[in-house]
Amino acid sequence: MAQVSAVLQDLAVAGGAIGKLIDVADFALDMIDEYFLSELTKGWSPKMFFDS
């Protein structure tokens, strides 16, 4: 029973760490998205992706 408890505790710690990584990744993607949206509204276009 002690081994099961230790495994569950390890899983909980790993789940918490993964949750923090997801929060950081979400924040980073949100910042990138905000940057590109603000640049597009200023008239910038990624010329490498679009033919004008």
N, C-alpha and C. Protein backbone atom coordinates (compact mmCIF):
# COMPACT_ATOMS: atom_id res chain seq x y z
N MET A 1 0.82 -1.19 0.00
CA MET A 1 0.00 0.00 0.00
C MET A 1 0.86 1.25 0.00
N ALA A 2 2.01 1.17 0.66
CA ALA A 2 2.91 2.33 0.73
C ALA A 2 3.49 2.64 -0.64
N GLN A 3 3.71 1.59 -1.45
CA GLN A 3 4.26 1.81 -2.79
C GLN A 3 3.24 2.52 -3.67
N VAL A 4 1.99 2.15 -3.55
CA VAL A 4 0.93 2.79 -4.33
C VAL A 4 0.82 4.26 -3.95
N SER A 5 0.90 4.53 -2.67
CA SER A 5 0.83 5.91 -2.19
C SER A 5 2.01 6.73 -2.72
N ALA A 6 3.20 6.14 -2.74
CA ALA A 6 4.38 6.84 -3.24
C ALA A 6 4.26 7.11 -4.73
N VAL A 7 3.73 6.15 -5.47
CA VAL A 7 3.54 6.33 -6.92
C VAL A 7 2.52 7.42 -7.18
N LEU A 8 1.43 7.42 -6.44
CA LEU A 8 0.41 8.46 -6.61
C LEU A 8 0.96 9.84 -6.27
N GLN A 9 1.79 9.89 -5.24
CA GLN A 9 2.40 11.17 -4.87
C GLN A 9 3.35 11.65 -5.98
N ASP A 10 4.13 10.73 -6.55
CA ASP A 10 5.02 11.09 -7.66
C ASP A 10 4.23 11.57 -8.87
N LEU A 11 3.11 10.90 -9.15
CA LEU A 11 2.26 11.33 -10.26
C LEU A 11 1.67 12.71 -10.02
N ALA A 12 1.31 12.99 -8.80
CA ALA A 12 0.75 14.30 -8.47
C ALA A 12 1.81 15.39 -8.66
N VAL A 13 3.03 15.11 -8.25
CA VAL A 13 4.12 16.08 -8.42
C VAL A 13 4.40 16.29 -9.90
N ALA A 14 4.44 15.19 -10.67
CA ALA A 14 4.68 15.30 -12.12
C ALA A 14 3.53 16.06 -12.79
N GLY A 15 2.31 15.79 -12.37
CA GLY A 15 1.16 16.50 -12.94
C GLY A 15 1.22 17.98 -12.64
N GLY A 16 1.65 18.34 -11.44
CA GLY A 16 1.79 19.76 -11.10
C GLY A 16 2.85 20.44 -11.93
N ALA A 17 3.96 19.74 -12.17
CA ALA A 17 5.04 20.31 -12.99
C ALA A 17 4.59 20.47 -14.43
N ILE A 18 3.88 19.49 -14.94
CA ILE A 18 3.37 19.58 -16.32
C ILE A 18 2.36 20.72 -16.42
N GLY A 19 1.54 20.88 -15.40
CA GLY A 19 0.57 21.98 -15.39
C GLY A 19 1.26 23.33 -15.44
N LYS A 20 2.36 23.48 -14.70
CA LYS A 20 3.11 24.74 -14.72
C LYS A 20 3.72 24.97 -16.10
N LEU A 21 4.24 23.92 -16.74
CA LEU A 21 4.82 24.06 -18.08
C LEU A 21 3.75 24.47 -19.09
N ILE A 22 2.57 23.91 -18.94
CA ILE A 22 1.48 24.28 -19.85
C ILE A 22 1.10 25.74 -19.65
N ASP A 23 1.08 26.20 -18.40
CA ASP A 23 0.77 27.60 -18.13
C ASP A 23 1.81 28.52 -18.76
N VAL A 24 3.09 28.15 -18.66
CA VAL A 24 4.17 28.96 -19.25
C VAL A 24 4.05 28.96 -20.77
N ALA A 25 3.79 27.81 -21.36
CA ALA A 25 3.64 27.72 -22.81
C ALA A 25 2.43 28.53 -23.28
N ASP A 26 1.35 28.46 -22.54
CA ASP A 26 0.15 29.23 -22.88
C ASP A 26 0.43 30.73 -22.85
N PHE A 27 1.16 31.16 -21.82
CA PHE A 27 1.51 32.57 -21.71
C PHE A 27 2.41 33.01 -22.87
N ALA A 28 3.39 32.18 -23.21
CA ALA A 28 4.31 32.51 -24.30
C ALA A 28 3.56 32.59 -25.63
N LEU A 29 2.69 31.63 -25.89
CA LEU A 29 1.92 31.66 -27.13
C LEU A 29 0.97 32.85 -27.17
N ASP A 30 0.42 33.22 -26.04
CA ASP A 30 -0.45 34.38 -25.96
C ASP A 30 0.33 35.66 -26.29
N MET A 31 1.55 35.76 -25.78
CA MET A 31 2.38 36.94 -26.07
C MET A 31 2.75 37.00 -27.55
N ILE A 32 3.09 35.86 -28.15
CA ILE A 32 3.43 35.83 -29.59
C ILE A 32 2.20 36.22 -30.40
N ASP A 33 1.05 35.68 -30.05
CA ASP A 33 -0.19 36.00 -30.75
C ASP A 33 -0.49 37.49 -30.66
N GLU A 34 -0.35 38.06 -29.48
CA GLU A 34 -0.60 39.49 -29.30
C GLU A 34 0.35 40.33 -30.14
N TYR A 35 1.61 39.93 -30.21
CA TYR A 35 2.60 40.66 -31.01
C TYR A 35 2.21 40.65 -32.48
N PHE A 36 1.90 39.48 -33.02
CA PHE A 36 1.55 39.40 -34.44
C PHE A 36 0.26 40.13 -34.75
N LEU A 37 -0.73 40.05 -33.86
CA LEU A 37 -1.97 40.78 -34.10
C LEU A 37 -1.75 42.28 -34.08
N SER A 38 -0.92 42.76 -33.16
CA SER A 38 -0.67 44.20 -33.10
C SER A 38 0.12 44.67 -34.32
N GLU A 39 1.03 43.86 -34.80
CA GLU A 39 1.80 44.22 -35.99
C GLU A 39 0.92 44.20 -37.24
N LEU A 40 0.01 43.23 -37.33
CA LEU A 40 -0.89 43.17 -38.48
C LEU A 40 -1.83 44.37 -38.51
N THR A 41 -2.27 44.84 -37.36
CA THR A 41 -3.15 46.00 -37.33
C THR A 41 -2.41 47.28 -37.68
N LYS A 42 -1.09 47.27 -37.58
CA LYS A 42 -0.29 48.44 -37.97
C LYS A 42 0.03 48.43 -39.46
N GLY A 43 -0.38 47.39 -40.18
CA GLY A 43 -0.14 47.31 -41.60
C GLY A 43 1.01 46.39 -41.97
N TRP A 44 1.63 45.74 -41.01
CA TRP A 44 2.72 44.83 -41.29
C TRP A 44 2.16 43.52 -41.85
N SER A 45 2.84 42.94 -42.80
CA SER A 45 2.45 41.63 -43.31
C SER A 45 3.69 40.77 -43.45
N PRO A 46 3.59 39.52 -43.09
CA PRO A 46 4.75 38.63 -43.22
C PRO A 46 4.97 38.27 -44.68
N LYS A 47 5.81 39.01 -45.36
CA LYS A 47 6.00 38.87 -46.80
C LYS A 47 6.55 37.49 -47.17
N MET A 48 7.16 36.81 -46.25
CA MET A 48 7.68 35.50 -46.54
C MET A 48 6.55 34.50 -46.77
N PHE A 49 5.36 34.78 -46.22
CA PHE A 49 4.24 33.86 -46.33
C PHE A 49 3.22 34.28 -47.39
N PHE A 50 3.21 35.55 -47.76
CA PHE A 50 2.21 36.04 -48.71
C PHE A 50 2.88 36.67 -49.91
N ASP A 51 2.30 36.41 -51.09
CA ASP A 51 2.75 37.10 -52.31
C ASP A 51 1.88 38.33 -52.48
N SER A 52 2.53 39.51 -52.63
CA SER A 52 1.71 40.70 -52.82
C SER A 52 1.83 41.24 -54.21
